[in-house]
N, C-alpha and C. Protein backbone atom coordinates (compact mmCIF):
# COMPACT_ATOMS: atom_id res chain seq x y z
N UNK A 1 68.57 152.77 40.03
CA UNK A 1 68.73 154.12 40.48
C UNK A 1 70.21 154.49 40.60
N UNK A 2 71.03 153.59 41.19
CA UNK A 2 72.46 153.87 41.33
C UNK A 2 73.12 154.02 39.95
N UNK A 3 72.70 153.21 38.98
CA UNK A 3 73.28 153.29 37.63
C UNK A 3 72.96 154.64 37.00
N UNK A 4 71.75 155.11 37.15
CA UNK A 4 71.34 156.40 36.60
C UNK A 4 72.12 157.53 37.26
N UNK A 5 72.27 157.47 38.58
CA UNK A 5 73.03 158.49 39.31
C UNK A 5 74.50 158.49 38.88
N UNK A 6 75.10 157.31 38.74
CA UNK A 6 76.48 157.19 38.30
C UNK A 6 76.65 157.74 36.88
N UNK A 7 75.72 157.43 36.01
CA UNK A 7 75.78 157.92 34.63
C UNK A 7 75.68 159.43 34.60
N UNK A 8 74.79 160.02 35.40
CA UNK A 8 74.63 161.46 35.43
C UNK A 8 75.88 162.16 35.98
N UNK A 9 76.61 161.50 36.86
CA UNK A 9 77.84 162.08 37.39
C UNK A 9 79.01 161.96 36.42
N UNK A 10 79.12 160.86 35.69
CA UNK A 10 80.26 160.62 34.81
C UNK A 10 80.16 161.34 33.46
N UNK A 11 78.98 161.48 32.91
CA UNK A 11 78.83 162.10 31.58
C UNK A 11 79.35 163.53 31.56
N UNK A 12 79.02 164.39 32.54
CA UNK A 12 79.60 165.74 32.49
C UNK A 12 81.11 165.76 32.61
N UNK A 13 81.69 164.85 33.37
CA UNK A 13 83.15 164.80 33.51
C UNK A 13 83.82 164.44 32.19
N UNK A 14 83.23 163.52 31.47
CA UNK A 14 83.82 163.09 30.20
C UNK A 14 83.69 164.18 29.14
N UNK A 15 82.65 164.96 29.18
CA UNK A 15 82.45 165.95 28.13
C UNK A 15 83.33 167.19 28.30
N UNK A 16 83.93 167.37 29.47
CA UNK A 16 84.81 168.52 29.69
C UNK A 16 86.28 168.11 29.82
N UNK A 17 86.66 166.99 29.24
CA UNK A 17 88.04 166.55 29.30
C UNK A 17 88.95 167.45 28.48
N UNK A 18 90.24 167.37 28.77
CA UNK A 18 91.20 168.18 28.03
C UNK A 18 91.38 167.63 26.63
N UNK A 19 91.67 168.54 25.70
CA UNK A 19 91.89 168.16 24.33
C UNK A 19 93.12 168.90 23.83
N UNK A 20 93.98 168.21 23.11
CA UNK A 20 95.16 168.83 22.52
C UNK A 20 94.99 168.83 21.02
N UNK A 21 95.12 170.00 20.42
CA UNK A 21 95.10 170.12 18.97
C UNK A 21 96.53 170.45 18.56
N UNK A 22 97.15 169.56 17.82
CA UNK A 22 98.56 169.71 17.49
C UNK A 22 98.78 169.47 16.00
N UNK A 23 99.75 170.18 15.45
CA UNK A 23 100.07 169.97 14.04
C UNK A 23 101.07 168.85 13.83
N UNK A 24 101.85 168.52 14.88
CA UNK A 24 102.85 167.47 14.77
C UNK A 24 102.94 166.69 16.07
N UNK A 25 103.39 165.47 15.98
CA UNK A 25 103.57 164.64 17.16
C UNK A 25 103.58 163.18 16.75
N UNK A 26 103.44 162.31 17.72
CA UNK A 26 103.43 160.89 17.41
C UNK A 26 103.33 160.03 18.64
N UNK A 27 103.32 158.73 18.41
CA UNK A 27 103.27 157.74 19.48
C UNK A 27 104.23 156.61 19.13
N UNK A 28 104.97 156.13 20.14
CA UNK A 28 105.88 155.02 19.95
C UNK A 28 105.65 154.01 21.07
N UNK A 29 105.66 152.72 20.70
CA UNK A 29 105.43 151.65 21.66
C UNK A 29 106.43 150.53 21.40
N UNK A 30 106.96 149.96 22.49
CA UNK A 30 107.76 148.75 22.38
C UNK A 30 107.48 147.90 23.61
N UNK A 31 108.23 146.84 23.82
CA UNK A 31 107.95 145.94 24.94
C UNK A 31 108.20 146.58 26.30
N UNK A 32 108.97 147.68 26.35
CA UNK A 32 109.26 148.34 27.61
C UNK A 32 108.26 149.42 28.00
N UNK A 33 107.45 149.87 27.06
CA UNK A 33 106.48 150.92 27.37
C UNK A 33 106.10 151.70 26.13
N UNK A 34 105.49 152.86 26.35
CA UNK A 34 105.07 153.69 25.22
C UNK A 34 105.20 155.16 25.59
N UNK A 35 105.27 156.00 24.56
CA UNK A 35 105.33 157.44 24.76
C UNK A 35 104.49 158.11 23.68
N UNK A 36 103.73 159.09 24.09
CA UNK A 36 102.97 159.94 23.18
C UNK A 36 103.51 161.35 23.33
N UNK A 37 103.62 162.09 22.22
CA UNK A 37 104.14 163.44 22.32
C UNK A 37 103.53 164.34 21.26
N UNK A 38 103.58 165.63 21.54
CA UNK A 38 103.19 166.65 20.58
C UNK A 38 104.32 167.65 20.48
N UNK A 39 104.45 168.26 19.34
CA UNK A 39 105.51 169.24 19.10
C UNK A 39 104.99 170.62 19.45
N UNK A 40 105.77 171.37 20.22
CA UNK A 40 105.41 172.74 20.54
C UNK A 40 104.66 172.94 21.83
N UNK A 41 104.45 171.89 22.58
CA UNK A 41 103.76 172.01 23.86
C UNK A 41 104.75 172.29 24.98
N UNK A 42 104.26 172.69 26.11
CA UNK A 42 105.09 173.13 27.23
C UNK A 42 105.64 171.95 28.02
N UNK A 43 106.92 172.05 28.43
CA UNK A 43 107.51 171.09 29.37
C UNK A 43 107.26 171.61 30.78
N UNK A 44 106.84 170.74 31.68
CA UNK A 44 106.53 171.19 33.03
C UNK A 44 107.62 170.83 34.04
N UNK A 45 108.46 169.81 33.72
CA UNK A 45 109.51 169.42 34.66
C UNK A 45 110.52 168.52 33.96
N UNK A 46 111.78 168.65 34.30
CA UNK A 46 112.83 167.76 33.81
C UNK A 46 113.66 167.31 35.00
N UNK A 47 113.92 166.01 35.11
CA UNK A 47 114.72 165.46 36.19
C UNK A 47 115.78 164.55 35.58
N UNK A 48 116.88 164.36 36.29
CA UNK A 48 117.95 163.50 35.79
C UNK A 48 118.55 162.72 36.95
N UNK A 49 119.07 161.53 36.63
CA UNK A 49 119.82 160.77 37.62
C UNK A 49 121.31 160.79 37.29
N UNK A 50 121.70 161.69 36.39
CA UNK A 50 123.08 161.80 35.97
C UNK A 50 123.37 161.04 34.69
N UNK A 51 122.55 160.05 34.39
CA UNK A 51 122.70 159.26 33.18
C UNK A 51 121.51 159.43 32.25
N UNK A 52 120.32 159.41 32.84
CA UNK A 52 119.08 159.49 32.07
C UNK A 52 118.34 160.78 32.40
N UNK A 53 117.71 161.37 31.39
CA UNK A 53 116.84 162.52 31.58
C UNK A 53 115.40 162.09 31.42
N UNK A 54 114.54 162.58 32.30
CA UNK A 54 113.11 162.34 32.21
C UNK A 54 112.44 163.69 32.13
N UNK A 55 111.71 163.92 31.04
CA UNK A 55 111.00 165.18 30.86
C UNK A 55 109.52 164.92 30.95
N UNK A 56 108.87 165.60 31.87
CA UNK A 56 107.42 165.49 32.00
C UNK A 56 106.79 166.67 31.30
N UNK A 57 105.67 166.43 30.70
CA UNK A 57 104.98 167.48 29.98
C UNK A 57 104.42 166.87 28.71
N UNK A 58 104.50 167.62 27.66
CA UNK A 58 103.85 167.21 26.44
C UNK A 58 104.81 166.95 25.29
N UNK A 59 106.11 167.09 25.52
CA UNK A 59 107.01 167.12 24.38
C UNK A 59 108.41 166.68 24.80
N UNK A 60 109.03 165.84 23.99
CA UNK A 60 110.43 165.49 24.16
C UNK A 60 111.21 166.29 23.12
N UNK A 61 112.40 166.71 23.44
CA UNK A 61 113.12 167.62 22.56
C UNK A 61 114.60 167.31 22.48
N UNK A 62 115.26 167.93 21.51
CA UNK A 62 116.71 167.83 21.39
C UNK A 62 117.41 168.99 22.08
N UNK A 63 116.74 170.13 22.24
CA UNK A 63 117.33 171.32 22.83
C UNK A 63 116.73 171.56 24.21
N UNK A 64 117.55 172.06 25.12
CA UNK A 64 117.09 172.38 26.46
C UNK A 64 117.64 173.75 26.84
N UNK A 65 116.80 174.61 27.38
CA UNK A 65 117.23 175.92 27.85
C UNK A 65 117.74 175.77 29.27
N UNK A 66 119.01 176.11 29.48
CA UNK A 66 119.64 175.88 30.77
C UNK A 66 119.66 177.13 31.65
N UNK A 67 119.39 178.30 31.08
CA UNK A 67 119.38 179.50 31.90
C UNK A 67 119.46 180.77 31.07
N UNK A 68 119.21 181.89 31.75
CA UNK A 68 119.27 183.21 31.12
C UNK A 68 120.04 184.14 32.05
N UNK A 69 120.94 184.91 31.47
CA UNK A 69 121.64 185.95 32.21
C UNK A 69 121.12 187.29 31.71
N UNK A 70 120.55 188.08 32.61
CA UNK A 70 120.05 189.41 32.27
C UNK A 70 121.14 190.44 32.56
N UNK A 71 121.87 190.82 31.56
CA UNK A 71 122.93 191.81 31.73
C UNK A 71 122.35 193.22 31.83
N UNK A 72 121.23 193.45 31.15
CA UNK A 72 120.51 194.72 31.21
C UNK A 72 119.07 194.37 31.57
N UNK A 73 118.67 194.64 32.80
CA UNK A 73 117.35 194.23 33.29
C UNK A 73 116.20 194.94 32.58
N UNK A 74 116.47 196.05 31.91
CA UNK A 74 115.42 196.77 31.17
C UNK A 74 115.17 196.19 29.79
N UNK A 75 116.10 195.40 29.28
CA UNK A 75 115.96 194.83 27.94
C UNK A 75 115.17 193.53 28.01
N UNK A 76 114.10 193.44 27.21
CA UNK A 76 113.25 192.26 27.21
C UNK A 76 113.37 191.53 25.89
N UNK A 77 113.63 190.25 25.97
CA UNK A 77 113.70 189.38 24.80
C UNK A 77 113.35 187.97 25.25
N UNK A 78 112.75 187.21 24.35
CA UNK A 78 112.45 185.81 24.64
C UNK A 78 112.95 184.95 23.49
N UNK A 79 113.22 183.69 23.81
CA UNK A 79 113.60 182.68 22.83
C UNK A 79 112.50 181.62 22.87
N UNK A 80 111.98 181.25 21.73
CA UNK A 80 110.93 180.23 21.67
C UNK A 80 111.01 179.51 20.33
N UNK A 81 110.40 178.39 20.11
CA UNK A 81 109.66 177.64 21.14
C UNK A 81 110.62 176.99 22.13
N UNK A 82 110.13 176.78 23.30
CA UNK A 82 110.89 176.13 24.35
C UNK A 82 110.09 174.92 24.80
N UNK A 83 110.44 173.78 24.44
CA UNK A 83 111.66 173.33 23.77
C UNK A 83 111.54 173.42 22.26
N UNK A 84 112.65 173.17 21.58
CA UNK A 84 112.68 173.23 20.13
C UNK A 84 113.63 172.20 19.57
N UNK A 85 113.53 171.94 18.28
CA UNK A 85 114.47 171.06 17.59
C UNK A 85 115.15 171.78 16.43
N UNK A 86 114.38 172.38 15.55
CA UNK A 86 114.94 172.90 14.32
C UNK A 86 115.21 174.38 14.27
N UNK A 87 114.37 175.18 14.90
CA UNK A 87 114.48 176.63 14.83
C UNK A 87 114.40 177.25 16.21
N UNK A 88 115.19 178.28 16.43
CA UNK A 88 115.05 179.14 17.61
C UNK A 88 114.54 180.48 17.10
N UNK A 89 113.55 181.01 17.75
CA UNK A 89 113.02 182.32 17.42
C UNK A 89 113.41 183.30 18.52
N UNK A 90 113.96 184.43 18.12
CA UNK A 90 114.28 185.51 19.05
C UNK A 90 113.22 186.57 18.85
N UNK A 91 112.55 186.95 19.94
CA UNK A 91 111.51 187.97 19.83
C UNK A 91 111.80 189.10 20.82
N UNK A 92 111.83 190.32 20.31
CA UNK A 92 112.04 191.50 21.12
C UNK A 92 111.47 192.70 20.40
N UNK A 93 110.91 193.62 21.15
CA UNK A 93 110.39 194.84 20.52
C UNK A 93 111.50 195.85 20.26
N UNK A 94 112.64 195.69 20.93
CA UNK A 94 113.78 196.58 20.73
C UNK A 94 114.86 195.80 19.97
N UNK A 95 114.77 195.82 18.65
CA UNK A 95 115.69 195.03 17.84
C UNK A 95 116.69 195.88 17.04
N UNK A 96 116.45 197.18 16.95
CA UNK A 96 117.36 198.03 16.19
C UNK A 96 118.75 198.02 16.81
N UNK A 97 119.77 197.82 15.98
CA UNK A 97 121.18 197.80 16.40
C UNK A 97 121.49 196.69 17.41
N UNK A 98 120.70 195.62 17.41
CA UNK A 98 120.96 194.48 18.29
C UNK A 98 121.49 193.33 17.44
N UNK A 99 122.57 192.72 17.91
CA UNK A 99 123.21 191.61 17.22
C UNK A 99 123.07 190.36 18.07
N UNK A 100 122.76 189.22 17.42
CA UNK A 100 122.79 187.94 18.14
C UNK A 100 124.08 187.22 17.74
N UNK A 101 124.66 186.53 18.72
CA UNK A 101 125.86 185.74 18.49
C UNK A 101 125.69 184.41 19.20
N UNK A 102 125.88 183.33 18.47
CA UNK A 102 125.78 181.99 19.05
C UNK A 102 127.19 181.41 19.15
N UNK A 103 127.57 181.01 20.38
CA UNK A 103 128.89 180.43 20.65
C UNK A 103 128.72 178.98 21.09
N UNK A 104 129.68 178.13 20.75
CA UNK A 104 129.67 176.77 21.29
C UNK A 104 130.35 176.77 22.65
N UNK A 105 130.50 175.58 23.25
CA UNK A 105 131.05 175.47 24.61
C UNK A 105 132.50 175.93 24.70
N UNK A 106 133.24 175.88 23.61
CA UNK A 106 134.63 176.32 23.60
C UNK A 106 134.76 177.82 23.31
N UNK A 107 133.63 178.50 23.14
CA UNK A 107 133.65 179.93 22.85
C UNK A 107 133.83 180.25 21.38
N UNK A 108 133.74 179.25 20.52
CA UNK A 108 133.88 179.45 19.09
C UNK A 108 132.58 180.04 18.53
N UNK A 109 132.73 181.05 17.68
CA UNK A 109 131.59 181.69 17.03
C UNK A 109 130.95 180.71 16.07
N UNK A 110 129.64 180.46 16.24
CA UNK A 110 128.90 179.53 15.40
C UNK A 110 128.01 180.28 14.42
N UNK A 111 127.30 181.30 14.90
CA UNK A 111 126.40 182.11 14.08
C UNK A 111 126.41 183.54 14.61
N UNK A 112 126.20 184.49 13.69
CA UNK A 112 126.11 185.88 14.12
C UNK A 112 125.40 186.68 13.05
N UNK A 113 124.51 187.57 13.47
CA UNK A 113 123.83 188.47 12.54
C UNK A 113 123.09 189.52 13.35
N UNK A 114 122.59 190.51 12.65
CA UNK A 114 121.82 191.58 13.28
C UNK A 114 120.34 191.22 13.27
N UNK A 115 119.61 191.64 14.31
CA UNK A 115 118.16 191.49 14.32
C UNK A 115 117.57 192.60 13.45
N UNK A 116 116.73 192.22 12.51
CA UNK A 116 116.15 193.21 11.59
C UNK A 116 114.66 193.40 11.79
N UNK A 117 114.04 192.61 12.64
CA UNK A 117 112.61 192.73 12.92
C UNK A 117 112.31 192.18 14.31
N UNK A 118 111.07 192.31 14.74
CA UNK A 118 110.69 191.89 16.10
C UNK A 118 110.93 190.41 16.35
N UNK A 119 110.84 189.59 15.31
CA UNK A 119 111.06 188.15 15.48
C UNK A 119 112.05 187.66 14.42
N UNK A 120 113.12 187.03 14.88
CA UNK A 120 114.14 186.48 13.99
C UNK A 120 114.25 184.99 14.25
N UNK A 121 114.23 184.19 13.18
CA UNK A 121 114.35 182.73 13.31
C UNK A 121 115.76 182.28 12.94
N UNK A 122 116.30 181.36 13.76
CA UNK A 122 117.61 180.78 13.51
C UNK A 122 117.44 179.29 13.24
N UNK A 123 117.99 178.80 12.15
CA UNK A 123 117.96 177.38 11.82
C UNK A 123 119.09 176.72 12.61
N UNK A 124 118.76 175.80 13.55
CA UNK A 124 119.77 175.22 14.44
C UNK A 124 119.82 173.70 14.41
N UNK A 125 119.03 173.07 13.56
CA UNK A 125 118.98 171.60 13.55
C UNK A 125 120.30 170.98 13.10
N UNK A 126 121.11 171.70 12.34
CA UNK A 126 122.37 171.18 11.83
C UNK A 126 123.53 171.23 12.83
N UNK A 127 123.32 171.87 13.96
CA UNK A 127 124.41 172.03 14.93
C UNK A 127 124.67 170.74 15.70
N UNK A 128 125.92 170.54 16.08
CA UNK A 128 126.33 169.34 16.82
C UNK A 128 125.82 169.38 18.25
N UNK A 129 125.63 168.22 18.89
CA UNK A 129 125.24 168.20 20.30
C UNK A 129 126.28 168.92 21.15
N UNK A 130 125.82 169.60 22.20
CA UNK A 130 126.73 170.30 23.10
C UNK A 130 126.07 171.51 23.73
N UNK A 131 126.89 172.28 24.44
CA UNK A 131 126.40 173.49 25.12
C UNK A 131 126.65 174.70 24.22
N UNK A 132 125.69 175.63 24.25
CA UNK A 132 125.78 176.84 23.45
C UNK A 132 125.35 178.04 24.29
N UNK A 133 125.84 179.21 23.90
CA UNK A 133 125.40 180.48 24.49
C UNK A 133 124.94 181.38 23.36
N UNK A 134 123.73 181.90 23.48
CA UNK A 134 123.19 182.86 22.53
C UNK A 134 123.20 184.22 23.21
N UNK A 135 124.03 185.13 22.69
CA UNK A 135 124.23 186.44 23.31
C UNK A 135 123.57 187.50 22.45
N UNK A 136 122.81 188.38 23.09
CA UNK A 136 122.23 189.55 22.43
C UNK A 136 122.96 190.77 22.96
N UNK A 137 123.46 191.59 22.06
CA UNK A 137 124.12 192.82 22.51
C UNK A 137 123.89 193.93 21.49
N UNK A 138 124.07 195.17 21.94
CA UNK A 138 124.02 196.31 21.05
C UNK A 138 125.43 196.92 21.01
N UNK A 139 125.55 198.09 20.44
CA UNK A 139 126.87 198.71 20.29
C UNK A 139 127.53 199.01 21.64
N UNK A 140 126.71 199.25 22.67
CA UNK A 140 127.22 199.70 23.96
C UNK A 140 127.43 198.59 24.99
N UNK A 141 126.60 197.54 24.94
CA UNK A 141 126.64 196.58 26.04
C UNK A 141 126.05 195.23 25.65
N UNK A 142 126.39 194.23 26.48
CA UNK A 142 125.77 192.92 26.40
C UNK A 142 124.40 193.03 27.06
N UNK A 143 123.34 192.53 26.39
CA UNK A 143 121.97 192.69 26.89
C UNK A 143 121.46 191.44 27.60
N UNK A 144 121.59 190.27 26.95
CA UNK A 144 121.08 189.01 27.50
C UNK A 144 121.93 187.87 26.98
N UNK A 145 122.07 186.83 27.79
CA UNK A 145 122.72 185.59 27.36
C UNK A 145 121.79 184.43 27.70
N UNK A 146 121.47 183.63 26.69
CA UNK A 146 120.65 182.44 26.86
C UNK A 146 121.58 181.23 26.81
N UNK A 147 121.56 180.39 27.84
CA UNK A 147 122.36 179.17 27.91
C UNK A 147 121.51 178.03 27.36
N UNK A 148 122.05 177.30 26.38
CA UNK A 148 121.31 176.24 25.69
C UNK A 148 122.12 174.95 25.68
N UNK A 149 121.42 173.82 25.64
CA UNK A 149 122.06 172.52 25.50
C UNK A 149 121.36 171.77 24.38
N UNK A 150 122.14 171.28 23.42
CA UNK A 150 121.59 170.42 22.37
C UNK A 150 121.99 168.99 22.70
N UNK A 151 120.99 168.11 22.84
CA UNK A 151 121.25 166.74 23.27
C UNK A 151 121.65 165.82 22.14
N UNK A 152 121.05 165.97 20.96
CA UNK A 152 121.38 165.10 19.83
C UNK A 152 121.16 165.80 18.55
């Protein structure tokens, strides 16, 4: 009787487990442990001891979003995927006459162009590790600044 009751309780729990459908990812194992990851999933927390970074969630990445400065609170734009490795996408419904400019930590211009549609993709995998600022502005004002860090 106990076995039947236990089976009836466990079967529904197993059938409603979480499932991840991913187009990319992998698993790595060595003598120190293992890691499984998927590309494009959400990070829920990142902690550091000053030397090592530990990212909890579903994905390890080369890029980290360090902050956003809203220079114009009425202007809405997002950068995704967060996190990312190869491409940054800028999405905004107000893209006419808006220019994106990517600067490195020394303030050197790395990339610049005008947004021509609601979503613009930037190829960033070739950039060196370091801190970057992605600035969106129009003819009149600075709209948003995204602070980014590329780890490797």
